Structures are given as C-alpha cells and as structure tokens.
Amino acid sequence: MSILPRPSSPKVALRDLVTFFRTRARHQIGFAFLSAAIPLFFVALFYLDAVPMEYRPPKIVYVQKLDPNRTDAQIIAQQKIDAKQRAADEAERQKILEANRRPFKEMEKKLDAWGL
C-alpha cells in the first residue's frame, strides 16, 4: 500500500487539484501562484535573452619570421603598414561594441522616461 495513491486518470488528478485549492484560504492561493510566477518570470527572461549570436571563425595570427639584419627604415615602414591594419581592426571592434551597447542604451532611455 502506498502513502500517496496514484490518480487513475488526468481527470481525477485535475479534480484532486481543484479540491486541494478549494480547501485553501484565498491568500494561500495567491501566494502559491506568486511563488510559481516569480521563478517562471526569471526563466522566461533567460530564455528571451538567449539570442543566438552569429558565428565568427577564430582569428588566427601567424608570426612573421623577420630578418635580423633589417634596417631601421624597413622597420619603420613595416610599422606604418601595421598601424593602418591595427586602426582598421580597432574601428571594426568599436563598431561591434557600439552595436552591442545600443539595446542597453535604448532600455536606459525607457527606464529614464519611467523615472527609474
């Protein structure tokens, strides 16, 4: 003999649940729904926040084998070329960061409008 008998059908389980809620006070039912709604709210927020991000392949950086007998002029010329590439990479990185910050700025404006 089991302590908690199993319901024989979903109808019986639903009827048992309704009977259970009818025997409770109104404030107990309110707190029961509130205690279920709060975690569901946070789970829903995590679900909505899980936006799939676009795939970017890893950036592989190869090390150059440099001639140890280079002149200073060659080194300076190579640094100028590298500086242009670094500036382009930094501009792209700033563009991506700004795109990531945009939704947060919009949310902050909405919260400011509400006075929060």
PDB file of N, CA and C in Angstrom:
ATOM      1  N   MET A   1       0.848  -1.182   0.000  1.00  0.00           N
ATOM      2  CA  MET A   1       0.000   0.000   0.000  1.00  0.00           C
ATOM      3  C   MET A   1       0.890   1.241   0.000  1.00  0.00           C
ATOM      4  N   SER A   2       0.621   2.146  -0.894  1.00  0.00           N
ATOM      5  CA  SER A   2       1.447   3.351  -0.994  1.00  0.00           C
ATOM      6  C   SER A   2       0.874   4.467  -0.139  1.00  0.00           C
ATOM      7  N   ILE A   3       1.737   5.380   0.200  1.00  0.00           N
ATOM      8  CA  ILE A   3       1.313   6.505   1.031  1.00  0.00           C
ATOM      9  C   ILE A   3       0.498   7.490   0.210  1.00  0.00           C
ATOM     10  N   LEU A   4       0.973   7.762  -0.996  1.00  0.00           N
ATOM     11  CA  LEU A   4       0.256   8.674  -1.892  1.00  0.00           C
ATOM     12  C   LEU A   4      -0.320   7.866  -3.047  1.00  0.00           C
ATOM     13  N   PRO A   5      -1.641   7.652  -3.066  1.00  0.00           N
ATOM     14  CA  PRO A   5      -2.220   6.863  -4.158  1.00  0.00           C
ATOM     15  C   PRO A   5      -2.107   7.602  -5.485  1.00  0.00           C
ATOM     16  N   ARG A   6      -1.897   6.847  -6.543  1.00  0.00           N
ATOM     17  CA  ARG A   6      -1.792   7.442  -7.874  1.00  0.00           C
ATOM     18  C   ARG A   6      -3.188   7.683  -8.440  1.00  0.00           C
ATOM     19  N   PRO A   7      -3.398   8.821  -9.077  1.00  0.00           N
ATOM     20  CA  PRO A   7      -4.693   9.038  -9.717  1.00  0.00           C
ATOM     21  C   PRO A   7      -4.836   8.116 -10.929  1.00  0.00           C
ATOM     22  N   SER A   8      -6.046   7.704 -11.189  1.00  0.00           N
ATOM     23  CA  SER A   8      -6.264   6.749 -12.268  1.00  0.00           C
ATOM     24  C   SER A   8      -6.342   7.408 -13.636  1.00  0.00           C
ATOM     25  N   SER A   9      -6.559   8.725 -13.685  1.00  0.00           N
ATOM     26  CA  SER A   9      -6.643   9.407 -14.970  1.00  0.00           C
ATOM     27  C   SER A   9      -6.324  10.894 -14.762  1.00  0.00           C
ATOM     28  N   PRO A  10      -6.087  11.618 -15.851  1.00  0.00           N
ATOM     29  CA  PRO A  10      -5.860  13.063 -15.721  1.00  0.00           C
ATOM     30  C   PRO A  10      -7.063  13.804 -15.151  1.00  0.00           C
ATOM     31  N   LYS A  11      -8.273  13.301 -15.431  1.00  0.00           N
ATOM     32  CA  LYS A  11      -9.477  13.933 -14.874  1.00  0.00           C
ATOM     33  C   LYS A  11      -9.464  13.879 -13.353  1.00  0.00           C
ATOM     34  N   VAL A  12      -9.082  12.718 -12.829  1.00  0.00           N
ATOM     35  CA  VAL A  12      -9.045  12.550 -11.383  1.00  0.00           C
ATOM     36  C   VAL A  12      -7.964  13.445 -10.784  1.00  0.00           C
ATOM     37  N   ALA A  13      -6.828  13.554 -11.450  1.00  0.00           N
ATOM     38  CA  ALA A  13      -5.749  14.413 -10.956  1.00  0.00           C
ATOM     39  C   ALA A  13      -6.188  15.877 -10.953  1.00  0.00           C
ATOM     40  N   LEU A  14      -6.877  16.314 -11.996  1.00  0.00           N
ATOM     41  CA  LEU A  14      -7.362  17.691 -12.062  1.00  0.00           C
ATOM     42  C   LEU A  14      -8.408  17.947 -10.977  1.00  0.00           C
ATOM     43  N   ARG A  15      -9.309  16.994 -10.785  1.00  0.00           N
ATOM     44  CA  ARG A  15     -10.340  17.126  -9.753  1.00  0.00           C
ATOM     45  C   ARG A  15      -9.687  17.209  -8.367  1.00  0.00           C
ATOM     46  N   ASP A  16      -8.632  16.404  -8.158  1.00  0.00           N
ATOM     47  CA  ASP A  16      -7.926  16.425  -6.884  1.00  0.00           C
ATOM     48  C   ASP A  16      -7.250  17.785  -6.672  1.00  0.00           C
ATOM     49  N   LEU A  17      -6.659  18.352  -7.728  1.00  0.00           N
ATOM     50  CA  LEU A  17      -6.029  19.666  -7.632  1.00  0.00           C
ATOM     51  C   LEU A  17      -7.055  20.747  -7.321  1.00  0.00           C
ATOM     52  N   VAL A  18      -8.195  20.705  -7.973  1.00  0.00           N
ATOM     53  CA  VAL A  18      -9.255  21.689  -7.723  1.00  0.00           C
ATOM     54  C   VAL A  18      -9.753  21.574  -6.286  1.00  0.00           C
ATOM     55  N   THR A  19      -9.910  20.369  -5.807  1.00  0.00           N
ATOM     56  CA  THR A  19     -10.354  20.157  -4.424  1.00  0.00           C
ATOM     57  C   THR A  19      -9.324  20.703  -3.444  1.00  0.00           C
ATOM     58  N   PHE A  20      -8.056  20.484  -3.749  1.00  0.00           N
ATOM     59  CA  PHE A  20      -6.994  20.997  -2.891  1.00  0.00           C
ATOM     60  C   PHE A  20      -7.050  22.516  -2.811  1.00  0.00           C
ATOM     61  N   PHE A  21      -7.226  23.199  -3.963  1.00  0.00           N
ATOM     62  CA  PHE A  21      -7.271  24.655  -3.950  1.00  0.00           C
ATOM     63  C   PHE A  21      -8.541  25.193  -3.297  1.00  0.00           C
ATOM     64  N   ARG A  22      -9.632  24.451  -3.345  1.00  0.00           N
ATOM     65  CA  ARG A  22     -10.867  24.905  -2.699  1.00  0.00           C
ATOM     66  C   ARG A  22     -10.757  24.874  -1.182  1.00  0.00           C
ATOM     67  N   THR A  23      -9.915  24.003  -0.663  1.00  0.00           N
ATOM     68  CA  THR A  23      -9.778  23.909   0.792  1.00  0.00           C
ATOM     69  C   THR A  23      -8.797  24.934   1.348  1.00  0.00           C
ATOM     70  N   ARG A  24      -8.144  25.695   0.502  1.00  0.00           N
ATOM     71  CA  ARG A  24      -7.165  26.685   0.942  1.00  0.00           C
ATOM     72  C   ARG A  24      -7.796  28.068   1.052  1.00  0.00           C
ATOM     73  N   ALA A  25      -7.174  28.895   1.901  1.00  0.00           N
ATOM     74  CA  ALA A  25      -7.623  30.283   2.035  1.00  0.00           C
ATOM     75  C   ALA A  25      -7.188  31.060   0.796  1.00  0.00           C
ATOM     76  N   ARG A  26      -7.850  32.172   0.572  1.00  0.00           N
ATOM     77  CA  ARG A  26      -7.595  32.966  -0.627  1.00  0.00           C
ATOM     78  C   ARG A  26      -6.153  33.480  -0.688  1.00  0.00           C
ATOM     79  N   HIS A  27      -5.616  33.920   0.447  1.00  0.00           N
ATOM     80  CA  HIS A  27      -4.245  34.440   0.447  1.00  0.00           C
ATOM     81  C   HIS A  27      -3.232  33.324   0.185  1.00  0.00           C
ATOM     82  N   GLN A  28      -3.530  32.087   0.590  1.00  0.00           N
ATOM     83  CA  GLN A  28      -2.608  30.984   0.331  1.00  0.00           C
ATOM     84  C   GLN A  28      -2.534  30.671  -1.165  1.00  0.00           C
ATOM     85  N   ILE A  29      -3.668  30.768  -1.826  1.00  0.00           N
ATOM     86  CA  ILE A  29      -3.679  30.531  -3.272  1.00  0.00           C
ATOM     87  C   ILE A  29      -2.911  31.634  -3.994  1.00  0.00           C
ATOM     88  N   GLY A  30      -3.101  32.874  -3.556  1.00  0.00           N
ATOM     89  CA  GLY A  30      -2.373  33.992  -4.157  1.00  0.00           C
ATOM     90  C   GLY A  30      -0.874  33.840  -4.007  1.00  0.00           C
ATOM     91  N   PHE A  31      -0.442  33.478  -2.803  1.00  0.00           N
ATOM     92  CA  PHE A  31       0.995  33.285  -2.599  1.00  0.00           C
ATOM     93  C   PHE A  31       1.518  32.081  -3.371  1.00  0.00           C
ATOM     94  N   ALA A  32       0.705  31.054  -3.530  1.00  0.00           N
ATOM     95  CA  ALA A  32       1.132  29.878  -4.301  1.00  0.00           C
ATOM     96  C   ALA A  32       1.374  30.270  -5.762  1.00  0.00           C
ATOM     97  N   PHE A  33       0.449  31.026  -6.341  1.00  0.00           N
ATOM     98  CA  PHE A  33       0.638  31.458  -7.725  1.00  0.00           C
ATOM     99  C   PHE A  33       1.809  32.437  -7.843  1.00  0.00           C
ATOM    100  N   LEU A  34       1.972  33.307  -6.863  1.00  0.00           N
ATOM    101  CA  LEU A  34       3.081  34.246  -6.880  1.00  0.00           C
ATOM    102  C   LEU A  34       4.419  33.510  -6.769  1.00  0.00           C
ATOM    103  N   SER A  35       4.470  32.502  -5.914  1.00  0.00           N
ATOM    104  CA  SER A  35       5.732  31.755  -5.753  1.00  0.00           C
ATOM    105  C   SER A  35       6.048  30.933  -6.993  1.00  0.00           C
ATOM    106  N   ALA A  36       5.076  30.602  -7.798  1.00  0.00           N
ATOM    107  CA  ALA A  36       5.347  29.914  -9.061  1.00  0.00           C
ATOM    108  C   ALA A  36       5.659  30.917 -10.174  1.00  0.00           C
ATOM    109  N   ALA A  37       5.041  32.088 -10.122  1.00  0.00           N
ATOM    110  CA  ALA A  37       5.206  33.069 -11.199  1.00  0.00           C
ATOM    111  C   ALA A  37       6.580  33.732 -11.177  1.00  0.00           C
ATOM    112  N   ILE A  38       7.133  33.977 -10.002  1.00  0.00           N
ATOM    113  CA  ILE A  38       8.418  34.677  -9.919  1.00  0.00           C
ATOM    114  C   ILE A  38       9.535  33.873 -10.578  1.00  0.00           C
ATOM    115  N   PRO A  39       9.729  32.587 -10.245  1.00  0.00           N
ATOM    116  CA  PRO A  39      10.782  31.839 -10.951  1.00  0.00           C
ATOM    117  C   PRO A  39      10.501  31.682 -12.446  1.00  0.00           C
ATOM    118  N   LEU A  40       9.230  31.511 -12.815  1.00  0.00           N
ATOM    119  CA  LEU A  40       8.899  31.406 -14.235  1.00  0.00           C
ATOM    120  C   LEU A  40       9.231  32.698 -14.976  1.00  0.00           C
ATOM    121  N   PHE A  41       9.042  33.817 -14.320  1.00  0.00           N
ATOM    122  CA  PHE A  41       9.385  35.104 -14.924  1.00  0.00           C
ATOM    123  C   PHE A  41      10.881  35.175 -15.225  1.00  0.00           C
ATOM    124  N   PHE A  42      11.715  34.773 -14.260  1.00  0.00           N
ATOM    125  CA  PHE A  42      13.163  34.830 -14.469  1.00  0.00           C
ATOM    126  C   PHE A  42      13.627  33.800 -15.494  1.00  0.00           C
ATOM    127  N   VAL A  43      13.013  32.642 -15.512  1.00  0.00           N
ATOM    128  CA  VAL A  43      13.349  31.642 -16.534  1.00  0.00           C
ATOM    129  C   VAL A  43      12.988  32.181 -17.913  1.00  0.00           C
ATOM    130  N   ALA A  44      11.851  32.854 -18.024  1.00  0.00           N
ATOM    131  CA  ALA A  44      11.446  33.442 -19.306  1.00  0.00           C
ATOM    132  C   ALA A  44      12.433  34.530 -19.737  1.00  0.00           C
ATOM    133  N   LEU A  45      12.927  35.326 -18.781  1.00  0.00           N
ATOM    134  CA  LEU A  45      13.917  36.352 -19.131  1.00  0.00           C
ATOM    135  C   LEU A  45      15.195  35.727 -19.663  1.00  0.00           C
ATOM    136  N   PHE A  46      15.662  34.661 -19.026  1.00  0.00           N
ATOM    137  CA  PHE A  46      16.859  33.986 -19.523  1.00  0.00           C
ATOM    138  C   PHE A  46      16.603  33.382 -20.893  1.00  0.00           C
ATOM    139  N   TYR A  47      15.409  32.852 -21.107  1.00  0.00           N
ATOM    140  CA  TYR A  47      15.081  32.260 -22.396  1.00  0.00           C
ATOM    141  C   TYR A  47      15.066  33.331 -23.490  1.00  0.00           C
ATOM    142  N   LEU A  48      14.468  34.472 -23.199  1.00  0.00           N
ATOM    143  CA  LEU A  48      14.404  35.547 -24.190  1.00  0.00           C
ATOM    144  C   LEU A  48      15.769  36.175 -24.427  1.00  0.00           C
ATOM    145  N   ASP A  49      16.635  36.156 -23.410  1.00  0.00           N
ATOM    146  CA  ASP A  49      17.958  36.754 -23.549  1.00  0.00           C
ATOM    147  C   ASP A  49      18.909  35.867 -24.337  1.00  0.00           C
ATOM    148  N   ALA A  50      18.574  34.612 -24.493  1.00  0.00           N
ATOM    149  CA  ALA A  50      19.464  33.663 -25.173  1.00  0.00           C
ATOM    150  C   ALA A  50      19.322  33.800 -26.687  1.00  0.00           C
ATOM    151  N   VAL A  51      19.706  34.949 -27.192  1.00  0.00           N
ATOM    152  CA  VAL A  51      19.638  35.207 -28.623  1.00  0.00           C
ATOM    153  C   VAL A  51      20.854  34.551 -29.274  1.00  0.00           C
ATOM    154  N   PRO A  52      20.644  33.747 -30.303  1.00  0.00           N
ATOM    155  CA  PRO A  52      21.815  33.119 -30.925  1.00  0.00           C
ATOM    156  C   PRO A  52      22.693  34.177 -31.592  1.00  0.00           C
ATOM    157  N   MET A  53      23.974  34.089 -31.317  1.00  0.00           N
ATOM    158  CA  MET A  53      24.917  35.048 -31.881  1.00  0.00           C
ATOM    159  C   MET A  53      25.460  34.496 -33.188  1.00  0.00           C
ATOM    160  N   GLU A  54      25.817  35.399 -34.085  1.00  0.00           N
ATOM    161  CA  GLU A  54      26.348  34.963 -35.358  1.00  0.00           C
ATOM    162  C   GLU A  54      27.735  34.362 -35.163  1.00  0.00           C
ATOM    163  N   TYR A  55      28.035  33.342 -35.931  1.00  0.00           N
ATOM    164  CA  TYR A  55      29.311  32.654 -35.797  1.00  0.00           C
ATOM    165  C   TYR A  55      30.406  33.453 -36.471  1.00  0.00           C
ATOM    166  N   ARG A  56      31.477  33.645 -35.756  1.00  0.00           N
ATOM    167  CA  ARG A  56      32.669  34.274 -36.320  1.00  0.00           C
ATOM    168  C   ARG A  56      33.806  33.286 -36.157  1.00  0.00           C
ATOM    169  N   PRO A  57      34.434  32.902 -37.243  1.00  0.00           N
ATOM    170  CA  PRO A  57      35.540  31.952 -37.102  1.00  0.00           C
ATOM    171  C   PRO A  57      36.676  32.584 -36.301  1.00  0.00           C
ATOM    172  N   PRO A  58      37.423  31.761 -35.600  1.00  0.00           N
ATOM    173  CA  PRO A  58      38.517  32.329 -34.810  1.00  0.00           C
ATOM    174  C   PRO A  58      39.561  33.001 -35.696  1.00  0.00           C
ATOM    175  N   LYS A  59      40.104  34.071 -35.184  1.00  0.00           N
ATOM    176  CA  LYS A  59      41.103  34.810 -35.939  1.00  0.00           C
ATOM    177  C   LYS A  59      42.471  34.224 -35.600  1.00  0.00           C
ATOM    178  N   ILE A  60      43.143  33.723 -36.595  1.00  0.00           N
ATOM    179  CA  ILE A  60      44.454  33.103 -36.412  1.00  0.00           C
ATOM    180  C   ILE A  60      45.524  34.138 -36.750  1.00  0.00           C
ATOM    181  N   VAL A  61      46.442  34.318 -35.842  1.00  0.00           N
ATOM    182  CA  VAL A  61      47.523  35.269 -36.036  1.00  0.00           C
ATOM    183  C   VAL A  61      48.804  34.471 -36.253  1.00  0.00           C
ATOM    184  N   TYR A  62      49.374  34.644 -37.411  1.00  0.00           N
ATOM    185  CA  TYR A  62      50.624  33.967 -37.730  1.00  0.00           C
ATOM    186  C   TYR A  62      51.794  34.888 -37.400  1.00  0.00           C
ATOM    187  N   VAL A  63      52.835  34.318 -36.866  1.00  0.00           N
ATOM    188  CA  VAL A  63      54.027  35.080 -36.512  1.00  0.00           C
ATOM    189  C   VAL A  63      54.941  35.143 -37.722  1.00  0.00           C
ATOM    190  N   GLN A  64      55.379  36.352 -38.029  1.00  0.00           N
ATOM    191  CA  GLN A  64      56.279  36.521 -39.160  1.00  0.00           C
ATOM    192  C   GLN A  64      57.710  36.219 -38.742  1.00  0.00           C
ATOM    193  N   LYS A  65      58.416  35.601 -39.633  1.00  0.00           N
ATOM    194  CA  LYS A  65      59.839  35.405 -39.391  1.00  0.00           C
ATOM    195  C   LYS A  65      60.545  36.611 -40.006  1.00  0.00           C
ATOM    196  N   LEU A  66      61.123  37.404 -39.137  1.00  0.00           N
ATOM    197  CA  LEU A  66      61.744  38.645 -39.588  1.00  0.00           C
ATOM    198  C   LEU A  66      63.249  38.462 -39.726  1.00  0.00           C
ATOM    199  N   ASP A  67      63.782  39.177 -40.684  1.00  0.00           N
ATOM    200  CA  ASP A  67      65.234  39.137 -40.932  1.00  0.00           C
ATOM    201  C   ASP A  67      65.936  39.923 -39.818  1.00  0.00           C
ATOM    202  N   PRO A  68      66.869  39.325 -39.134  1.00  0.00           N
ATOM    203  CA  PRO A  68      67.547  40.055 -38.048  1.00  0.00           C
ATOM    204  C   PRO A  68      68.435  41.184 -38.560  1.00  0.00           C
ATOM    205  N   ASN A  69      68.704  41.219 -39.844  1.00  0.00           N
ATOM    206  CA  ASN A  69      69.578  42.256 -40.401  1.00  0.00           C
ATOM    207  C   ASN A  69      68.781  43.401 -41.036  1.00  0.00           C
ATOM    208  N   ARG A  70      67.555  43.615 -40.606  1.00  0.00           N
ATOM    209  CA  ARG A  70      66.743  44.693 -41.179  1.00  0.00           C
ATOM    210  C   ARG A  70      67.285  46.045 -40.759  1.00  0.00           C
ATOM    211  N   THR A  71      67.045  47.010 -41.627  1.00  0.00           N
ATOM    212  CA  THR A  71      67.459  48.378 -41.293  1.00  0.00           C
ATOM    213  C   THR A  71      66.332  49.069 -40.541  1.00  0.00           C
ATOM    214  N   ASP A  72      66.662  50.170 -39.914  1.00  0.00           N
ATOM    215  CA  ASP A  72      65.644  50.929 -39.180  1.00  0.00           C
ATOM    216  C   ASP A  72      64.556  51.447 -40.114  1.00  0.00           C
ATOM    217  N   ALA A  73      64.906  51.824 -41.323  1.00  0.00           N
ATOM    218  CA  ALA A  73      63.921  52.319 -42.292  1.00  0.00           C
ATOM    219  C   ALA A  73      62.915  51.228 -42.649  1.00  0.00           C
ATOM    220  N   GLN A  74      63.400  49.997 -42.803  1.00  0.00           N
ATOM    221  CA  GLN A  74      62.483  48.893 -43.103  1.00  0.00           C
ATOM    222  C   GLN A  74      61.540  48.629 -41.929  1.00  0.00           C
ATOM    223  N   ILE A  75      62.073  48.721 -40.728  1.00  0.00           N
ATOM    224  CA  ILE A  75      61.239  48.503 -39.535  1.00  0.00           C
ATOM    225  C   ILE A  75      60.165  49.574 -39.440  1.00  0.00           C
ATOM    226  N   ILE A  76      60.520  50.831 -39.638  1.00  0.00           N
ATOM    227  CA  ILE A  76      59.557  51.930 -39.564  1.00  0.00           C
ATOM    228  C   ILE A  76      58.499  51.801 -40.656  1.00  0.00           C
ATOM    229  N   ALA A  77      58.902  51.415 -41.866  1.00  0.00           N
ATOM    230  CA  ALA A  77      57.946  51.247 -42.960  1.00  0.00           C
ATOM    231  C   ALA A  77      56.948  50.130 -42.627  1.00  0.00           C
ATOM    232  N   GLN A  78      57.436  49.035 -42.066  1.00  0.00           N
ATOM    233  CA  GLN A  78      56.538  47.935 -41.701  1.00  0.00           C
ATOM    234  C   GLN A  78      55.597  48.345 -40.566  1.00  0.00           C
ATOM    235  N   GLN A  79      56.082  49.139 -39.627  1.00  0.00           N
ATOM    236  CA  GLN A  79      55.232  49.617 -38.534  1.00  0.00           C
ATOM    237  C   GLN A  79      54.112  50.512 -39.044  1.00  0.00           C
ATOM    238  N   LYS A  80      54.390  51.327 -40.059  1.00  0.00           N
ATOM    239  CA  LYS A  80      53.348  52.178 -40.644  1.00  0.00           C
ATOM    240  C   LYS A  80      52.268  51.332 -41.306  1.00  0.00           C
ATOM    241  N   ILE A  81      52.695  50.275 -42.001  1.00  0.00           N
ATOM    242  CA  ILE A  81      51.720  49.377 -42.641  1.00  0.00           C
ATOM    243  C   ILE A  81      50.872  48.685 -41.576  1.00  0.00           C
ATOM    244  N   ASP A  82      51.536  48.219 -40.524  1.00  0.00           N
ATOM    245  CA  ASP A  82      50.817  47.534 -39.447  1.00  0.00           C
ATOM    246  C   ASP A  82      49.876  48.472 -38.698  1.00  0.00           C
ATOM    247  N   ALA A  83      50.266  49.748 -38.571  1.00  0.00           N
ATOM    248  CA  ALA A  83      49.422  50.714 -37.869  1.00  0.00           C
ATOM    249  C   ALA A  83      48.095  50.923 -38.604  1.00  0.00           C
ATOM    250  N   LYS A  84      48.131  50.935 -39.931  1.00  0.00           N
ATOM    251  CA  LYS A  84      46.895  51.077 -40.707  1.00  0.00           C
ATOM    252  C   LYS A  84      45.965  49.885 -40.459  1.00  0.00           C
ATOM    253  N   GLN A  85      46.545  48.684 -40.445  1.00  0.00           N
ATOM    254  CA  GLN A  85      45.737  47.485 -40.209  1.00  0.00           C
ATOM    255  C   GLN A  85      45.170  47.484 -38.790  1.00  0.00           C
ATOM    256  N   ARG A  86      45.991  47.901 -37.813  1.00  0.00           N
ATOM    257  CA  ARG A  86      45.515  47.968 -36.434  1.00  0.00           C
ATOM    258  C   ARG A  86      44.385  48.970 -36.284  1.00  0.00           C
ATOM    259  N   ALA A  87      44.495  50.108 -36.967  1.00  0.00           N
ATOM    260  CA  ALA A  87      43.440  51.127 -36.899  1.00  0.00           C
ATOM    261  C   ALA A  87      42.146  50.600 -37.509  1.00  0.00           C
ATOM    262  N   ALA A  88      42.245  49.868 -38.604  1.00  0.00           N
ATOM    263  CA  ALA A  88      41.044  49.294 -39.222  1.00  0.00           C
ATOM    264  C   ALA A  88      40.420  48.247 -38.297  1.00  0.00           C
ATOM    265  N   ASP A  89      41.244  47.411 -37.669  1.00  0.00           N
ATOM    266  CA  ASP A  89      40.728  46.403 -36.736  1.00  0.00           C
ATOM    267  C   ASP A  89      40.062  47.055 -35.528  1.00  0.00           C
ATOM    268  N   GLU A  90      40.661  48.126 -35.021  1.00  0.00           N
ATOM    269  CA  GLU A  90      40.095  48.820 -33.863  1.00  0.00           C
ATOM    270  C   GLU A  90      38.769  49.498 -34.231  1.00  0.00           C
ATOM    271  N   ALA A  91      38.670  50.057 -35.426  1.00  0.00           N
ATOM    272  CA  ALA A  91      37.418  50.674 -35.868  1.00  0.00           C
ATOM    273  C   ALA A  91      36.313  49.625 -35.972  1.00  0.00           C
ATOM    274  N   GLU A  92      36.652  48.449 -36.481  1.00  0.00           N
ATOM    275  CA  GLU A  92      35.656  47.374 -36.576  1.00  0.00           C
ATOM    276  C   GLU A  92      35.227  46.907 -35.187  1.00  0.00           C
ATOM    277  N   ARG A  93      36.182  46.822 -34.272  1.00  0.00           N
ATOM    278  CA  ARG A  93      35.869  46.403 -32.908  1.00  0.00           C
ATOM    279  C   ARG A  93      34.966  47.422 -32.224  1.00  0.00           C
ATOM    280  N   GLN A  94      35.222  48.711 -32.429  1.00  0.00           N
ATOM    281  CA  GLN A  94      34.385  49.754 -31.847  1.00  0.00           C
ATOM    282  C   GLN A  94      32.972  49.711 -32.433  1.00  0.00           C
ATOM    283  N   LYS A  95      32.870  49.415 -33.725  1.00  0.00           N
ATOM    284  CA  LYS A  95      31.553  49.313 -34.361  1.00  0.00           C
ATOM    285  C   LYS A  95      30.754  48.162 -33.751  1.00  0.00           C
ATOM    286  N   ILE A  96      31.400  47.041 -33.515  1.00  0.00           N
ATOM    287  CA  ILE A  96      30.723  45.889 -32.908  1.00  0.00           C
ATOM    288  C   ILE A  96      30.312  46.206 -31.475  1.00  0.00           C
ATOM    289  N   LEU A  97      31.202  46.863 -30.724  1.00  0.00           N
ATOM    290  CA  LEU A  97      30.872  47.231 -29.343  1.00  0.00           C
ATOM    291  C   LEU A  97      29.680  48.187 -29.298  1.00  0.00           C
ATOM    292  N   GLU A  98      29.648  49.141 -30.207  1.00  0.00           N
ATOM    293  CA  GLU A  98      28.537  50.089 -30.239  1.00  0.00           C
ATOM    294  C   GLU A  98      27.225  49.380 -30.582  1.00  0.00           C
ATOM    295  N   ALA A  99      27.291  48.422 -31.492  1.00  0.00           N
ATOM    296  CA  ALA A  99      26.089  47.657 -31.834  1.00  0.00           C
ATOM    297  C   ALA A  99      25.608  46.843 -30.637  1.00  0.00           C
ATOM    298  N   ASN A 100      26.537  46.351 -29.820  1.00  0.00           N
ATOM    299  CA  ASN A 100      26.158  45.601 -28.622  1.00  0.00           C
ATOM    300  C   ASN A 100      25.606  46.510 -27.537  1.00  0.00           C
ATOM    301  N   ARG A 101      26.061  47.746 -27.477  1.00  0.00           N
ATOM    302  CA  ARG A 101      25.613  48.685 -26.442  1.00  0.00           C
ATOM    303  C   ARG A 101      24.265  49.324 -26.771  1.00  0.00           C
ATOM    304  N   ARG A 102      23.901  49.363 -28.038  1.00  0.00           N
ATOM    305  CA  ARG A 102      22.694  50.068 -28.477  1.00  0.00           C
ATOM    306  C   ARG A 102      21.424  49.601 -27.744  1.00  0.00           C
ATOM    307  N   PRO A 103      21.161  48.279 -27.619  1.00  0.00           N
ATOM    308  CA  PRO A 103      19.928  47.881 -26.911  1.00  0.00           C
ATOM    309  C   PRO A 103      19.925  48.325 -25.449  1.00  0.00           C
ATOM    310  N   PHE A 104      21.085  48.343 -24.807  1.00  0.00           N
ATOM    311  CA  PHE A 104      21.142  48.759 -23.416  1.00  0.00           C
ATOM    312  C   PHE A 104      20.876  50.254 -23.285  1.00  0.00           C
ATOM    313  N   LYS A 105      21.357  51.042 -24.250  1.00  0.00           N
ATOM    314  CA  LYS A 105      21.088  52.474 -24.215  1.00  0.00           C
ATOM    315  C   LYS A 105      19.595  52.749 -24.414  1.00  0.00           C
ATOM    316  N   GLU A 106      18.965  51.987 -25.305  1.00  0.00           N
ATOM    317  CA  GLU A 106      17.529  52.157 -25.525  1.00  0.00           C
ATOM    318  C   GLU A 106      16.748  51.799 -24.264  1.00  0.00           C
ATOM    319  N   MET A 107      17.155  50.719 -23.594  1.00  0.00           N
ATOM    320  CA  MET A 107      16.481  50.326 -22.365  1.00  0.00           C
ATOM    321  C   MET A 107      16.683  51.385 -21.284  1.00  0.00           C
ATOM    322  N   GLU A 108      17.876  51.969 -21.229  1.00  0.00           N
ATOM    323  CA  GLU A 108      18.148  53.011 -20.243  1.00  0.00           C
ATOM    324  C   GLU A 108      17.280  54.241 -20.505  1.00  0.00           C
ATOM    325  N   LYS A 109      17.079  54.601 -21.779  1.00  0.00           N
ATOM    326  CA  LYS A 109      16.203  55.731 -22.101  1.00  0.00           C
ATOM    327  C   LYS A 109      14.770  55.461 -21.665  1.00  0.00           C
ATOM    328  N   LYS A 110      14.299  54.218 -21.881  1.00  0.00           N
ATOM    329  CA  LYS A 110      12.938  53.868 -21.466  1.00  0.00           C
ATOM    330  C   LYS A 110      12.799  53.928 -19.950  1.00  0.00           C
ATOM    331  N   LEU A 111      13.804  53.437 -19.247  1.00  0.00           N
ATOM    332  CA  LEU A 111      13.747  53.483 -17.779  1.00  0.00           C
ATOM    333  C   LEU A 111      13.810  54.915 -17.277  1.00  0.00           C
ATOM    334  N   ASP A 112      14.608  55.767 -17.928  1.00  0.00           N
ATOM    335  CA  ASP A 112      14.653  57.185 -17.546  1.00  0.00           C
ATOM    336  C   ASP A 112      13.306  57.846 -17.787  1.00  0.00           C
ATOM    337  N   ALA A 113      12.641  57.466 -18.868  1.00  0.00           N
ATOM    338  CA  ALA A 113      11.330  58.044 -19.159  1.00  0.00           C
ATOM    339  C   ALA A 113      10.318  57.640 -18.091  1.00  0.00           C
ATOM    340  N   TRP A 114      10.485  56.446 -17.543  1.00  0.00           N
ATOM    341  CA  TRP A 114       9.586  55.992 -16.458  1.00  0.00           C
ATOM    342  C   TRP A 114       9.987  56.544 -15.103  1.00  0.00           C
ATOM    343  N   GLY A 115      11.168  57.142 -15.034  1.00  0.00           N
ATOM    344  CA  GLY A 115      11.637  57.708 -13.776  1.00  0.00           C
ATOM    345  C   GLY A 115      12.359  56.704 -12.895  1.00  0.00           C
ATOM    346  N   LEU A 116      12.871  55.643 -13.495  1.00  0.00           N
ATOM    347  CA  LEU A 116      13.580  54.624 -12.696  1.00  0.00           C
ATOM    348  C   LEU A 116      15.065  54.771 -12.825  1.00  0.00           C
TER     349      LEU A 116
END
